[in-house]
Amino acid sequence: MERLIIIGTSLLFIGILLIFAGTLFSNGTEKSNVKVAAGGFIGPIPFGFMNDKRMIYILIALMAFSLFIWLFLNK
């Protein structure tokens, strides 16, 4: 269980570093077409935010996958 916490925390920090690096190395004068989606669970209730209609399908698939993983690990 401690190994999963370390892996999750490491992935979180890597993601933050990638976002930070992307903002540092991007050119602020050019127009970008960035699509973003974020979601999670509060108890059994899923939530999500996105700025592109196609991203909702990806978000739903990732949330369903994480729900199945959670259900599998809790048995």
PDB file of N, CA and C in Angstrom:
ATOM      1  N   MET A   1       0.821  -1.196   0.000  1.00  0.00           N
ATOM      2  CA  MET A   1       0.000   0.000   0.000  1.00  0.00           C
ATOM      3  C   MET A   1       0.868   1.265   0.000  1.00  0.00           C
ATOM      4  N   GLU A   2       1.980   1.213   0.740  1.00  0.00           N
ATOM      5  CA  GLU A   2       2.867   2.372   0.764  1.00  0.00           C
ATOM      6  C   GLU A   2       3.475   2.625  -0.609  1.00  0.00           C
ATOM      7  N   ARG A   3       3.704   1.540  -1.346  1.00  0.00           N
ATOM      8  CA  ARG A   3       4.267   1.670  -2.687  1.00  0.00           C
ATOM      9  C   ARG A   3       3.300   2.411  -3.609  1.00  0.00           C
ATOM     10  N   LEU A   4       1.994   2.145  -3.480  1.00  0.00           N
ATOM     11  CA  LEU A   4       0.999   2.842  -4.305  1.00  0.00           C
ATOM     12  C   LEU A   4       0.943   4.327  -3.977  1.00  0.00           C
ATOM     13  N   ILE A   5       1.098   4.668  -2.710  1.00  0.00           N
ATOM     14  CA  ILE A   5       1.100   6.078  -2.320  1.00  0.00           C
ATOM     15  C   ILE A   5       2.308   6.786  -2.914  1.00  0.00           C
ATOM     16  N   ILE A   6       3.448   6.128  -2.887  1.00  0.00           N
ATOM     17  CA  ILE A   6       4.664   6.718  -3.459  1.00  0.00           C
ATOM     18  C   ILE A   6       4.522   6.877  -4.971  1.00  0.00           C
ATOM     19  N   ILE A   7       3.966   5.869  -5.639  1.00  0.00           N
ATOM     20  CA  ILE A   7       3.770   5.949  -7.093  1.00  0.00           C
ATOM     21  C   ILE A   7       2.788   7.060  -7.441  1.00  0.00           C
ATOM     22  N   GLY A   8       1.678   7.149  -6.730  1.00  0.00           N
ATOM     23  CA  GLY A   8       0.689   8.189  -6.992  1.00  0.00           C
ATOM     24  C   GLY A   8       1.233   9.584  -6.764  1.00  0.00           C
ATOM     25  N   THR A   9       1.971   9.767  -5.684  1.00  0.00           N
ATOM     26  CA  THR A   9       2.564  11.068  -5.397  1.00  0.00           C
ATOM     27  C   THR A   9       3.605  11.428  -6.447  1.00  0.00           C
ATOM     28  N   SER A  10       4.395  10.450  -6.868  1.00  0.00           N
ATOM     29  CA  SER A  10       5.401  10.700  -7.905  1.00  0.00           C
ATOM     30  C   SER A  10       4.745  11.105  -9.216  1.00  0.00           C
ATOM     31  N   LEU A  11       3.684  10.431  -9.611  1.00  0.00           N
ATOM     32  CA  LEU A  11       2.980  10.780 -10.847  1.00  0.00           C
ATOM     33  C   LEU A  11       2.372  12.175 -10.762  1.00  0.00           C
ATOM     34  N   LEU A  12       1.877  12.535  -9.595  1.00  0.00           N
ATOM     35  CA  LEU A  12       1.313  13.873  -9.406  1.00  0.00           C
ATOM     36  C   LEU A  12       2.386  14.934  -9.594  1.00  0.00           C
ATOM     37  N   PHE A  13       3.541  14.756  -8.987  1.00  0.00           N
ATOM     38  CA  PHE A  13       4.618  15.730  -9.128  1.00  0.00           C
ATOM     39  C   PHE A  13       5.164  15.774 -10.548  1.00  0.00           C
ATOM     40  N   ILE A  14       5.248  14.637 -11.219  1.00  0.00           N
ATOM     41  CA  ILE A  14       5.704  14.623 -12.612  1.00  0.00           C
ATOM     42  C   ILE A  14       4.733  15.398 -13.488  1.00  0.00           C
ATOM     43  N   GLY A  15       3.433  15.214 -13.264  1.00  0.00           N
ATOM     44  CA  GLY A  15       2.429  15.961 -14.024  1.00  0.00           C
ATOM     45  C   GLY A  15       2.528  17.453 -13.799  1.00  0.00           C
ATOM     46  N   ILE A  16       2.730  17.861 -12.554  1.00  0.00           N
ATOM     47  CA  ILE A  16       2.873  19.285 -12.253  1.00  0.00           C
ATOM     48  C   ILE A  16       4.120  19.847 -12.930  1.00  0.00           C
ATOM     49  N   LEU A  17       5.217  19.092 -12.900  1.00  0.00           N
ATOM     50  CA  LEU A  17       6.446  19.545 -13.552  1.00  0.00           C
ATOM     51  C   LEU A  17       6.277  19.656 -15.065  1.00  0.00           C
ATOM     52  N   LEU A  18       5.542  18.721 -15.678  1.00  0.00           N
ATOM     53  CA  LEU A  18       5.304  18.792 -17.123  1.00  0.00           C
ATOM     54  C   LEU A  18       4.457  20.012 -17.487  1.00  0.00           C
ATOM     55  N   ILE A  19       3.466  20.318 -16.683  1.00  0.00           N
ATOM     56  CA  ILE A  19       2.644  21.510 -16.938  1.00  0.00           C
ATOM     57  C   ILE A  19       3.490  22.767 -16.797  1.00  0.00           C
ATOM     58  N   PHE A  20       4.305  22.817 -15.750  1.00  0.00           N
ATOM     59  CA  PHE A  20       5.175  23.970 -15.538  1.00  0.00           C
ATOM     60  C   PHE A  20       6.166  24.128 -16.687  1.00  0.00           C
ATOM     61  N   ALA A  21       6.761  23.025 -17.132  1.00  0.00           N
ATOM     62  CA  ALA A  21       7.710  23.082 -18.242  1.00  0.00           C
ATOM     63  C   ALA A  21       7.017  23.516 -19.532  1.00  0.00           C
ATOM     64  N   GLY A  22       5.801  23.073 -19.742  1.00  0.00           N
ATOM     65  CA  GLY A  22       5.063  23.474 -20.936  1.00  0.00           C
ATOM     66  C   GLY A  22       4.766  24.954 -20.967  1.00  0.00           C
ATOM     67  N   THR A  23       4.487  25.536 -19.810  1.00  0.00           N
ATOM     68  CA  THR A  23       4.240  26.978 -19.780  1.00  0.00           C
ATOM     69  C   THR A  23       5.531  27.772 -19.936  1.00  0.00           C
ATOM     70  N   LEU A  24       6.638  27.235 -19.450  1.00  0.00           N
ATOM     71  CA  LEU A  24       7.910  27.943 -19.589  1.00  0.00           C
ATOM     72  C   LEU A  24       8.402  27.956 -21.027  1.00  0.00           C
ATOM     73  N   PHE A  25       8.266  26.840 -21.723  1.00  0.00           N
ATOM     74  CA  PHE A  25       8.838  26.713 -23.059  1.00  0.00           C
ATOM     75  C   PHE A  25       7.870  27.059 -24.182  1.00  0.00           C
ATOM     76  N   SER A  26       6.652  27.435 -23.855  1.00  0.00           N
ATOM     77  CA  SER A  26       5.712  27.816 -24.911  1.00  0.00           C
ATOM     78  C   SER A  26       5.912  29.279 -25.270  1.00  0.00           C
ATOM     79  N   ASN A  27       5.624  29.584 -26.511  1.00  0.00           N
ATOM     80  CA  ASN A  27       5.721  30.957 -26.987  1.00  0.00           C
ATOM     81  C   ASN A  27       4.392  31.641 -26.707  1.00  0.00           C
ATOM     82  N   GLY A  28       4.400  32.702 -25.954  1.00  0.00           N
ATOM     83  CA  GLY A  28       3.167  33.365 -25.553  1.00  0.00           C
ATOM     84  C   GLY A  28       2.476  34.124 -26.664  1.00  0.00           C
ATOM     85  N   THR A  29       3.135  34.329 -27.813  1.00  0.00           N
ATOM     86  CA  THR A  29       2.543  35.118 -28.884  1.00  0.00           C
ATOM     87  C   THR A  29       1.667  34.281 -29.815  1.00  0.00           C
ATOM     88  N   GLU A  30       1.883  32.983 -29.861  1.00  0.00           N
ATOM     89  CA  GLU A  30       1.095  32.164 -30.790  1.00  0.00           C
ATOM     90  C   GLU A  30      -0.175  31.649 -30.115  1.00  0.00           C
ATOM     91  N   LYS A  31      -1.194  31.485 -30.912  1.00  0.00           N
ATOM     92  CA  LYS A  31      -2.488  30.998 -30.420  1.00  0.00           C
ATOM     93  C   LYS A  31      -2.419  29.483 -30.284  1.00  0.00           C
ATOM     94  N   SER A  32      -2.804  28.978 -29.128  1.00  0.00           N
ATOM     95  CA  SER A  32      -2.757  27.533 -28.907  1.00  0.00           C
ATOM     96  C   SER A  32      -4.167  26.958 -28.889  1.00  0.00           C
ATOM     97  N   ASN A  33      -4.257  25.686 -29.208  1.00  0.00           N
ATOM     98  CA  ASN A  33      -5.535  24.983 -29.218  1.00  0.00           C
ATOM     99  C   ASN A  33      -5.452  23.842 -28.202  1.00  0.00           C
ATOM    100  N   VAL A  34      -5.508  24.198 -26.946  1.00  0.00           N
ATOM    101  CA  VAL A  34      -5.348  23.234 -25.869  1.00  0.00           C
ATOM    102  C   VAL A  34      -6.715  22.756 -25.412  1.00  0.00           C
ATOM    103  N   LYS A  35      -6.851  21.442 -25.316  1.00  0.00           N
ATOM    104  CA  LYS A  35      -8.087  20.844 -24.819  1.00  0.00           C
ATOM    105  C   LYS A  35      -7.805  20.271 -23.435  1.00  0.00           C
ATOM    106  N   VAL A  36      -8.703  20.551 -22.497  1.00  0.00           N
ATOM    107  CA  VAL A  36      -8.470  20.187 -21.111  1.00  0.00           C
ATOM    108  C   VAL A  36      -9.692  19.470 -20.567  1.00  0.00           C
ATOM    109  N   ALA A  37      -9.445  18.453 -19.741  1.00  0.00           N
ATOM    110  CA  ALA A  37     -10.525  17.775 -19.032  1.00  0.00           C
ATOM    111  C   ALA A  37     -10.004  17.374 -17.658  1.00  0.00           C
ATOM    112  N   ALA A  38     -10.846  17.509 -16.657  1.00  0.00           N
ATOM    113  CA  ALA A  38     -10.487  17.106 -15.296  1.00  0.00           C
ATOM    114  C   ALA A  38     -11.727  16.502 -14.655  1.00  0.00           C
ATOM    115  N   GLY A  39     -11.518  15.471 -13.886  1.00  0.00           N
ATOM    116  CA  GLY A  39     -12.652  14.833 -13.232  1.00  0.00           C
ATOM    117  C   GLY A  39     -12.209  14.045 -12.029  1.00  0.00           C
ATOM    118  N   GLY A  40     -13.164  13.584 -11.290  1.00  0.00           N
ATOM    119  CA  GLY A  40     -12.863  12.799 -10.111  1.00  0.00           C
ATOM    120  C   GLY A  40     -14.134  12.307  -9.457  1.00  0.00           C
ATOM    121  N   PHE A  41     -13.984  11.810  -8.261  1.00  0.00           N
ATOM    122  CA  PHE A  41     -15.116  11.297  -7.504  1.00  0.00           C
ATOM    123  C   PHE A  41     -15.152  11.968  -6.142  1.00  0.00           C
ATOM    124  N   ILE A  42     -16.345  12.337  -5.711  1.00  0.00           N
ATOM    125  CA  ILE A  42     -16.573  12.741  -4.331  1.00  0.00           C
ATOM    126  C   ILE A  42     -17.508  11.684  -3.772  1.00  0.00           C
ATOM    127  N   GLY A  43     -16.906  10.742  -3.055  1.00  0.00           N
ATOM    128  CA  GLY A  43     -17.682   9.580  -2.628  1.00  0.00           C
ATOM    129  C   GLY A  43     -18.052   8.779  -3.861  1.00  0.00           C
ATOM    130  N   PRO A  44     -19.321   8.420  -4.015  1.00  0.00           N
ATOM    131  CA  PRO A  44     -19.730   7.672  -5.208  1.00  0.00           C
ATOM    132  C   PRO A  44     -20.158   8.565  -6.378  1.00  0.00           C
ATOM    133  N   ILE A  45     -20.098   9.880  -6.209  1.00  0.00           N
ATOM    134  CA  ILE A  45     -20.619  10.811  -7.213  1.00  0.00           C
ATOM    135  C   ILE A  45     -19.475  11.318  -8.092  1.00  0.00           C
ATOM    136  N   PRO A  46     -19.534  11.042  -9.406  1.00  0.00           N
ATOM    137  CA  PRO A  46     -18.483  11.544 -10.299  1.00  0.00           C
ATOM    138  C   PRO A  46     -18.731  13.001 -10.685  1.00  0.00           C
ATOM    139  N   PHE A  47     -17.661  13.727 -10.975  1.00  0.00           N
ATOM    140  CA  PHE A  47     -17.779  15.084 -11.481  1.00  0.00           C
ATOM    141  C   PHE A  47     -16.720  15.286 -12.554  1.00  0.00           C
ATOM    142  N   GLY A  48     -16.936  16.269 -13.405  1.00  0.00           N
ATOM    143  CA  GLY A  48     -15.969  16.532 -14.449  1.00  0.00           C
ATOM    144  C   GLY A  48     -16.141  17.901 -15.057  1.00  0.00           C
ATOM    145  N   PHE A  49     -15.041  18.439 -15.567  1.00  0.00           N
ATOM    146  CA  PHE A  49     -15.011  19.717 -16.251  1.00  0.00           C
ATOM    147  C   PHE A  49     -14.187  19.549 -17.515  1.00  0.00           C
ATOM    148  N   MET A  50     -14.641  20.129 -18.606  1.00  0.00           N
ATOM    149  CA  MET A  50     -13.882  20.052 -19.846  1.00  0.00           C
ATOM    150  C   MET A  50     -14.226  21.241 -20.729  1.00  0.00           C
ATOM    151  N   ASN A  51     -13.359  21.525 -21.704  1.00  0.00           N
ATOM    152  CA  ASN A  51     -13.629  22.624 -22.621  1.00  0.00           C
ATOM    153  C   ASN A  51     -13.803  22.145 -24.061  1.00  0.00           C
ATOM    154  N   ASP A  52     -13.879  20.832 -24.264  1.00  0.00           N
ATOM    155  CA  ASP A  52     -14.075  20.280 -25.597  1.00  0.00           C
ATOM    156  C   ASP A  52     -15.069  19.131 -25.506  1.00  0.00           C
ATOM    157  N   LYS A  53     -15.962  19.062 -26.462  1.00  0.00           N
ATOM    158  CA  LYS A  53     -17.017  18.046 -26.420  1.00  0.00           C
ATOM    159  C   LYS A  53     -16.464  16.626 -26.541  1.00  0.00           C
ATOM    160  N   ARG A  54     -15.386  16.453 -27.323  1.00  0.00           N
ATOM    161  CA  ARG A  54     -14.793  15.113 -27.471  1.00  0.00           C
ATOM    162  C   ARG A  54     -14.095  14.643 -26.207  1.00  0.00           C
ATOM    163  N   MET A  55     -13.630  15.581 -25.411  1.00  0.00           N
ATOM    164  CA  MET A  55     -12.901  15.222 -24.198  1.00  0.00           C
ATOM    165  C   MET A  55     -13.803  14.547 -23.168  1.00  0.00           C
ATOM    166  N   ILE A  56     -15.104  14.757 -23.260  1.00  0.00           N
ATOM    167  CA  ILE A  56     -16.008  14.128 -22.300  1.00  0.00           C
ATOM    168  C   ILE A  56     -15.955  12.606 -22.428  1.00  0.00           C
ATOM    169  N   TYR A  57     -15.797  12.093 -23.642  1.00  0.00           N
ATOM    170  CA  TYR A  57     -15.720  10.644 -23.830  1.00  0.00           C
ATOM    171  C   TYR A  57     -14.438  10.070 -23.226  1.00  0.00           C
ATOM    172  N   ILE A  58     -13.353  10.782 -23.396  1.00  0.00           N
ATOM    173  CA  ILE A  58     -12.096  10.343 -22.800  1.00  0.00           C
ATOM    174  C   ILE A  58     -12.194  10.389 -21.280  1.00  0.00           C
ATOM    175  N   LEU A  59     -12.789  11.458 -20.765  1.00  0.00           N
ATOM    176  CA  LEU A  59     -12.940  11.598 -19.324  1.00  0.00           C
ATOM    177  C   LEU A  59     -13.840  10.508 -18.747  1.00  0.00           C
ATOM    178  N   ILE A  60     -14.928  10.204 -19.415  1.00  0.00           N
ATOM    179  CA  ILE A  60     -15.827   9.144 -18.947  1.00  0.00           C
ATOM    180  C   ILE A  60     -15.108   7.798 -18.959  1.00  0.00           C
ATOM    181  N   ALA A  61     -14.340   7.520 -20.003  1.00  0.00           N
ATOM    182  CA  ALA A  61     -13.605   6.259 -20.072  1.00  0.00           C
ATOM    183  C   ALA A  61     -12.571   6.154 -18.957  1.00  0.00           C
ATOM    184  N   LEU A  62     -11.839   7.229 -18.702  1.00  0.00           N
ATOM    185  CA  LEU A  62     -10.843   7.208 -17.626  1.00  0.00           C
ATOM    186  C   LEU A  62     -11.492   7.068 -16.258  1.00  0.00           C
ATOM    187  N   MET A  63     -12.625   7.728 -16.055  1.00  0.00           N
ATOM    188  CA  MET A  63     -13.305   7.626 -14.771  1.00  0.00           C
ATOM    189  C   MET A  63     -13.907   6.232 -14.579  1.00  0.00           C
ATOM    190  N   ALA A  64     -14.434   5.640 -15.645  1.00  0.00           N
ATOM    191  CA  ALA A  64     -14.961   4.275 -15.537  1.00  0.00           C
ATOM    192  C   ALA A  64     -13.829   3.293 -15.245  1.00  0.00           C
ATOM    193  N   PHE A  65     -12.689   3.482 -15.897  1.00  0.00           N
ATOM    194  CA  PHE A  65     -11.527   2.627 -15.641  1.00  0.00           C
ATOM    195  C   PHE A  65     -11.074   2.755 -14.189  1.00  0.00           C
ATOM    196  N   SER A  66     -10.991   3.980 -13.690  1.00  0.00           N
ATOM    197  CA  SER A  66     -10.566   4.170 -12.300  1.00  0.00           C
ATOM    198  C   SER A  66     -11.587   3.610 -11.323  1.00  0.00           C
ATOM    199  N   LEU A  67     -12.867   3.669 -11.658  1.00  0.00           N
ATOM    200  CA  LEU A  67     -13.893   3.073 -10.801  1.00  0.00           C
ATOM    201  C   LEU A  67     -13.745   1.559 -10.754  1.00  0.00           C
ATOM    202  N   PHE A  68     -13.499   0.930 -11.894  1.00  0.00           N
ATOM    203  CA  PHE A  68     -13.320  -0.519 -11.918  1.00  0.00           C
ATOM    204  C   PHE A  68     -12.061  -0.948 -11.152  1.00  0.00           C
ATOM    205  N   ILE A  69     -10.995  -0.179 -11.278  1.00  0.00           N
ATOM    206  CA  ILE A  69      -9.781  -0.457 -10.521  1.00  0.00           C
ATOM    207  C   ILE A  69     -10.046  -0.349  -9.024  1.00  0.00           C
ATOM    208  N   TRP A  70     -10.765   0.696  -8.629  1.00  0.00           N
ATOM    209  CA  TRP A  70     -11.092   0.894  -7.216  1.00  0.00           C
ATOM    210  C   TRP A  70     -11.941  -0.265  -6.700  1.00  0.00           C
ATOM    211  N   LEU A  71     -12.932  -0.679  -7.483  1.00  0.00           N
ATOM    212  CA  LEU A  71     -13.792  -1.781  -7.078  1.00  0.00           C
ATOM    213  C   LEU A  71     -12.987  -3.080  -6.983  1.00  0.00           C
ATOM    214  N   PHE A  72     -12.066  -3.289  -7.921  1.00  0.00           N
ATOM    215  CA  PHE A  72     -11.238  -4.487  -7.925  1.00  0.00           C
ATOM    216  C   PHE A  72     -10.310  -4.533  -6.711  1.00  0.00           C
ATOM    217  N   LEU A  73      -9.719  -3.387  -6.349  1.00  0.00           N
ATOM    218  CA  LEU A  73      -8.787  -3.353  -5.238  1.00  0.00           C
ATOM    219  C   LEU A  73      -9.473  -3.424  -3.871  1.00  0.00           C
ATOM    220  N   ASN A  74     -10.754  -3.117  -3.818  1.00  0.00           N
ATOM    221  CA  ASN A  74     -11.465  -3.138  -2.544  1.00  0.00           C
ATOM    222  C   ASN A  74     -12.067  -4.492  -2.214  1.00  0.00           C
ATOM    223  N   LYS A  75     -11.889  -5.489  -3.048  1.00  0.00           N
ATOM    224  CA  LYS A  75     -12.434  -6.824  -2.755  1.00  0.00           C
ATOM    225  C   LYS A  75     -11.552  -7.594  -1.847  1.00  0.00           C
TER     226      LYS A  75
END
